[in-house]
Amino acid sequence: MINDKIWDVPAYDPLIWTGKKHDNCVVIPVINEGSRITSLLTKISDLKITDIADIIIVDGGSTDGSLQKDRLLELGVTGLILKTGSGKLSAQLRCGYAFVLREGYKNIVTIDGNDKDDPAPIPEFIAALDKGYDFVQASRFVKGGVAVNTPKSRDFAIKYIHAPVLSMASGFRWTDTTQGFRAYSSKMLLDERVAPFRNIFNTYELLAYLSYIAPKLGFQCIELPTSRIYPEGEVPTKISSFSGNLSVLKILFKACLGHYNPR
């Protein structure tokens, strides 16, 4: 029984919903991704991931015409959720996760809509959840992972600040902690000790918090190798170079000091 009466979830409208077909879903947060989201969805369709998982897009308010309903349906999209309330990435994810948990999904994969991540490992993520893992994190830095054109400042910050600090605080050795490509069990997201449906998660807090709290509470975590490729000369990201990265580091330390823990 889901106790969603106590959830804080931004307002959202389901613009497409063709009904639940699988126990697994892929939640894709987007905003003005242009051709990148079409490219990602085409890869997902070609890989036949739609045979094992429902694809649900959570739009943060795109204005670029990249989410035409007919085209999304052709590419196998099951749901398009438009966040109408305030907030950035964490608010989008709360909308998406609330929607899929209310629909009864068991396994939830999240991948960014900017087409930097190869979606081919999604079946492996789902298989890991079926084996009993609660949190699967993509990593370009473990054996078998691939990192191409990662900005040098970001590469340094992940390897020598973000991942080590989260590893020390959480008790699990993480290597790629800013990645949005990850998967969760519904059991973990529904656990009241985790409580992800709170208004404190508004920008990028939710990613760092879940990486911190899941191992602390004894949930089974694993990293799997993936490929993350930045296009040459372009950095498709919503995080600005200096102020955005500073904000991410502030969130990191707040998470590791228990600032986002349920009171």
Protein backbone atom coordinates (compact mmCIF):
# COMPACT_ATOMS: atom_id res chain seq x y z
CA MET A 1 0.00 0.00 0.00
CA ILE A 2 1.50 3.34 -1.08
CA ASN A 3 1.25 6.12 1.46
CA ASP A 4 1.34 8.90 -1.15
CA LYS A 5 -0.87 11.25 0.85
CA ILE A 6 2.26 12.58 2.58
CA TRP A 7 4.26 13.04 -0.63
CA ASP A 8 5.29 16.50 -1.81
CA VAL A 9 5.13 16.28 -5.60
CA PRO A 10 5.13 19.27 -7.98
CA ALA A 11 2.04 19.66 -10.13
CA TYR A 12 2.20 17.74 -13.40
CA ASP A 13 0.00 16.78 -16.34
CA PRO A 14 0.16 13.42 -18.15
CA LEU A 15 0.05 14.45 -21.82
CA ILE A 16 0.56 10.90 -23.14
CA TRP A 17 -0.33 7.71 -21.33
CA THR A 18 -0.90 4.46 -23.21
CA GLY A 19 -1.01 2.27 -20.09
CA LYS A 20 1.42 0.11 -18.13
CA LYS A 21 2.75 -2.84 -20.12
CA HIS A 22 5.79 -3.99 -18.11
CA ASP A 23 7.01 -4.04 -14.51
CA ASN A 24 10.05 -2.01 -15.61
CA CYS A 25 10.15 1.59 -16.78
CA VAL A 26 12.71 4.08 -18.05
CA VAL A 27 12.16 7.63 -16.79
CA ILE A 28 13.80 10.30 -18.97
CA PRO A 29 13.91 13.91 -17.69
CA VAL A 30 14.18 16.47 -20.51
CA ILE A 31 14.00 20.16 -21.24
CA ASN A 32 14.70 21.59 -24.69
CA GLU A 33 16.86 18.66 -25.80
CA GLY A 34 16.16 19.17 -29.51
CA SER A 35 17.38 16.35 -31.73
CA ARG A 36 19.20 14.71 -28.81
CA ILE A 37 16.03 13.22 -27.31
CA THR A 38 14.96 11.86 -30.70
CA SER A 39 18.39 10.27 -31.11
CA LEU A 40 18.21 8.65 -27.66
CA LEU A 41 14.68 7.34 -28.21
CA THR A 42 15.68 5.93 -31.60
CA LYS A 43 18.57 4.04 -29.96
CA ILE A 44 16.22 2.71 -27.26
CA SER A 45 13.75 1.57 -29.93
CA ASP A 46 16.46 -0.05 -32.07
CA LEU A 47 17.75 -1.92 -29.00
CA LYS A 48 14.19 -3.21 -28.40
CA ILE A 49 14.27 -1.96 -24.83
CA THR A 50 10.59 -1.15 -25.28
CA ASP A 51 10.01 -4.93 -25.26
CA ILE A 52 10.98 -5.09 -21.58
CA ALA A 53 10.33 -1.59 -20.22
CA ASP A 54 7.88 1.29 -20.62
CA ILE A 55 9.44 4.62 -21.65
CA ILE A 56 8.22 7.67 -19.75
CA ILE A 57 9.45 11.18 -20.48
CA VAL A 58 9.23 13.91 -17.84
CA ASP A 59 9.31 17.32 -19.48
CA GLY A 60 10.45 20.30 -17.45
CA GLY A 61 8.75 22.74 -19.83
CA SER A 62 10.32 22.38 -23.27
CA THR A 63 9.61 25.10 -25.81
CA ASP A 64 11.69 23.81 -28.74
CA GLY A 65 9.08 21.53 -30.31
CA SER A 66 11.19 18.43 -29.67
CA LEU A 67 8.38 16.45 -28.02
CA GLN A 68 5.81 16.06 -30.79
CA LYS A 69 3.30 13.48 -29.60
CA ASP A 70 2.97 11.56 -32.87
CA ARG A 71 6.74 11.15 -33.15
CA LEU A 72 7.07 10.05 -29.52
CA LEU A 73 4.38 7.40 -30.00
CA GLU A 74 6.13 6.16 -33.16
CA LEU A 75 9.29 5.70 -31.10
CA GLY A 76 7.48 3.62 -28.49
CA VAL A 77 7.02 6.17 -25.71
CA THR A 78 4.42 5.06 -23.16
CA GLY A 79 4.07 8.29 -21.22
CA LEU A 80 4.84 12.00 -21.44
CA ILE A 81 4.54 13.89 -18.17
CA LEU A 82 4.70 17.69 -18.14
CA LYS A 83 5.85 19.25 -14.88
CA THR A 84 3.77 22.39 -14.38
CA GLY A 85 4.96 23.13 -10.85
CA SER A 86 8.21 24.85 -9.90
CA GLY A 87 11.66 23.33 -9.66
CA LYS A 88 14.41 21.83 -11.80
CA LEU A 89 15.80 18.29 -12.15
CA SER A 90 14.93 16.93 -8.69
CA ALA A 91 11.40 18.31 -9.06
CA GLN A 92 11.09 16.59 -12.45
CA LEU A 93 12.29 13.32 -10.98
CA ARG A 94 9.80 13.57 -8.11
CA CYS A 95 7.02 13.96 -10.69
CA GLY A 96 8.25 11.00 -12.70
CA TYR A 97 8.90 8.70 -9.75
CA ALA A 98 5.57 9.54 -8.11
CA PHE A 99 3.76 8.78 -11.35
CA VAL A 100 5.44 5.42 -12.00
CA LEU A 101 5.18 4.26 -8.38
CA ARG A 102 1.47 5.08 -8.35
CA GLU A 103 1.16 3.02 -11.54
CA GLY A 104 2.81 0.05 -9.81
CA TYR A 105 6.18 -0.21 -11.52
CA LYS A 106 8.72 -2.45 -9.79
CA ASN A 107 12.01 -1.32 -11.37
CA ILE A 108 12.78 2.29 -12.32
CA VAL A 109 15.68 3.24 -14.59
CA THR A 110 16.57 6.90 -15.16
CA ILE A 111 18.68 8.16 -18.06
CA ASP A 112 19.30 11.77 -19.09
CA GLY A 113 17.57 12.94 -22.25
CA ASN A 114 20.65 14.65 -23.70
CA ASP A 115 21.94 11.52 -25.48
CA LYS A 116 25.34 11.43 -23.77
CA ASP A 117 24.72 7.94 -22.34
CA ASP A 118 24.59 4.73 -24.35
CA PRO A 119 21.26 3.09 -23.33
CA ALA A 120 22.45 -0.43 -24.24
CA PRO A 121 23.13 -1.44 -20.57
CA ILE A 122 19.52 -0.76 -19.51
CA PRO A 123 18.61 -4.51 -19.62
CA GLU A 124 21.63 -5.21 -17.36
CA PHE A 125 20.41 -2.56 -14.90
CA ILE A 126 16.98 -4.20 -14.81
CA ALA A 127 18.53 -7.66 -14.38
CA ALA A 128 20.57 -6.38 -11.43
CA LEU A 129 17.42 -5.05 -9.77
CA ASP A 130 15.70 -8.39 -10.37
CA LYS A 131 18.64 -10.10 -8.63
CA GLY A 132 18.02 -8.06 -5.49
CA TYR A 133 19.99 -4.86 -5.93
CA ASP A 134 18.17 -1.67 -4.97
CA PHE A 135 20.43 0.94 -6.57
CA VAL A 136 22.36 0.53 -9.82
CA GLN A 137 24.70 3.38 -10.73
CA ALA A 138 26.18 3.86 -14.19
CA SER A 139 29.93 4.42 -14.20
CA ARG A 140 32.27 5.39 -16.99
CA PHE A 141 35.20 4.87 -14.61
CA VAL A 142 34.89 1.19 -13.61
CA LYS A 143 36.40 -1.58 -15.74
CA GLY A 144 34.59 -1.70 -19.09
CA GLY A 145 33.31 1.88 -18.81
CA VAL A 146 34.01 4.51 -21.46
CA ALA A 147 34.49 8.26 -20.99
CA VAL A 148 34.89 10.47 -24.07
CA ASN A 149 35.40 14.25 -24.11
CA THR A 150 34.48 14.68 -20.44
CA PRO A 151 35.33 18.31 -19.55
CA LYS A 152 38.61 18.28 -17.60
CA SER A 153 37.26 20.29 -14.67
CA ARG A 154 34.30 17.93 -14.31
CA ASP A 155 36.49 14.83 -14.63
CA PHE A 156 38.74 16.14 -11.84
CA ALA A 157 35.84 17.11 -9.59
CA ILE A 158 34.15 13.71 -9.92
CA LYS A 159 37.29 11.62 -9.41
CA TYR A 160 38.93 13.60 -6.65
CA ILE A 161 36.10 15.38 -4.80
CA HIS A 162 32.55 14.23 -5.47
CA ALA A 163 32.98 10.44 -5.59
CA PRO A 164 35.55 10.18 -2.74
CA VAL A 165 33.48 12.37 -0.40
CA LEU A 166 30.28 10.44 -1.08
CA SER A 167 32.11 7.14 -0.75
CA MET A 168 33.51 8.09 2.64
CA ALA A 169 30.19 9.43 3.93
CA SER A 170 27.97 6.63 2.63
CA GLY A 171 30.23 3.64 3.27
CA PHE A 172 30.02 2.44 -0.36
CA ARG A 173 32.80 2.97 -2.88
CA TRP A 174 31.32 5.09 -5.65
CA THR A 175 33.27 6.18 -8.74
CA ASP A 176 30.79 8.19 -10.85
CA THR A 177 28.43 10.01 -8.54
CA THR A 178 27.13 12.88 -10.68
CA GLN A 179 25.69 10.55 -13.31
CA GLY A 180 21.95 10.65 -13.83
CA PHE A 181 21.99 7.22 -15.48
CA ARG A 182 20.95 4.90 -12.64
CA ALA A 183 18.21 2.53 -11.51
CA TYR A 184 16.24 2.02 -8.31
CA SER A 185 13.96 -0.60 -6.85
CA SER A 186 10.47 0.58 -5.97
CA LYS A 187 11.13 -0.84 -2.50
CA MET A 188 13.90 1.70 -1.94
CA LEU A 189 12.00 4.71 -3.28
CA LEU A 190 8.95 3.81 -1.20
CA ASP A 191 10.89 3.36 2.04
CA GLU A 192 9.84 6.08 4.51
CA ARG A 193 13.45 6.28 5.79
CA VAL A 194 14.45 7.45 2.29
CA ALA A 195 11.42 9.73 1.71
CA PRO A 196 12.39 11.19 -1.69
CA PHE A 197 9.09 13.06 -2.09
CA ARG A 198 9.95 16.22 -0.19
CA ASN A 199 10.18 19.83 -1.41
CA ILE A 200 13.79 20.05 -0.24
CA PHE A 201 14.65 18.20 -3.46
CA ASN A 202 14.29 20.93 -6.04
CA THR A 203 17.46 21.26 -8.16
CA TYR A 204 20.19 18.57 -8.07
CA GLU A 205 19.84 17.46 -4.44
CA LEU A 206 18.08 14.16 -5.04
CA LEU A 207 20.94 12.48 -6.93
CA ALA A 208 23.56 13.14 -4.25
CA TYR A 209 21.14 12.36 -1.43
CA LEU A 210 20.14 8.94 -2.79
CA SER A 211 23.79 7.99 -3.35
CA TYR A 212 24.44 8.91 0.29
CA ILE A 213 21.37 7.48 2.01
CA ALA A 214 20.92 4.17 0.18
CA PRO A 215 24.13 2.48 1.44
CA LYS A 216 23.69 4.04 4.89
CA LEU A 217 20.32 2.30 5.22
CA GLY A 218 21.69 -1.04 4.03
CA PHE A 219 20.22 -1.09 0.53
CA GLN A 220 22.20 -3.18 -1.94
CA CYS A 221 24.14 -0.97 -4.36
CA ILE A 222 26.28 -1.69 -7.41
CA GLU A 223 28.03 0.21 -10.18
CA LEU A 224 27.92 -1.12 -13.76
CA PRO A 225 30.12 0.02 -16.65
CA THR A 226 28.56 2.37 -19.18
CA SER A 227 29.64 4.73 -21.94
CA ARG A 228 29.23 8.51 -21.60
CA ILE A 229 30.26 10.55 -24.62
CA TYR A 230 30.29 14.33 -24.80
CA PRO A 231 30.15 15.69 -28.36
CA GLU A 232 33.25 17.58 -29.47
CA GLY A 233 33.11 21.30 -28.83
CA GLU A 234 29.74 21.12 -27.03
CA VAL A 235 28.80 20.34 -23.46
CA PRO A 236 25.09 19.40 -23.34
CA THR A 237 24.37 20.12 -19.69
CA LYS A 238 22.03 22.26 -17.63
CA ILE A 239 24.81 23.00 -15.08
CA SER A 240 26.66 26.24 -15.79
CA SER A 241 30.44 26.17 -15.59
CA PHE A 242 31.25 27.93 -12.31
CA SER A 243 28.14 28.79 -10.29
CA GLY A 244 26.45 25.53 -11.26
CA ASN A 245 29.42 23.40 -10.27
CA LEU A 246 29.79 25.31 -7.01
CA SER A 247 26.12 24.61 -6.28
CA VAL A 248 26.65 20.89 -6.94
CA LEU A 249 29.54 20.83 -4.44
CA LYS A 250 27.44 22.63 -1.81
CA ILE A 251 24.71 20.02 -2.31
CA LEU A 252 27.30 17.25 -1.97
CA PHE A 253 28.50 18.41 1.42
CA LYS A 254 24.96 19.07 2.66
CA ALA A 255 23.97 15.52 1.66
CA CYS A 256 27.00 13.99 3.38
CA LEU A 257 26.30 15.97 6.56
CA GLY A 258 22.75 14.60 6.70
CA HIS A 259 21.08 17.90 5.81
CA TYR A 260 18.54 16.15 3.54
CA ASN A 261 17.79 13.24 5.87
CA PRO A 262 14.13 12.92 6.93
CA ARG A 263 13.50 14.66 10.21
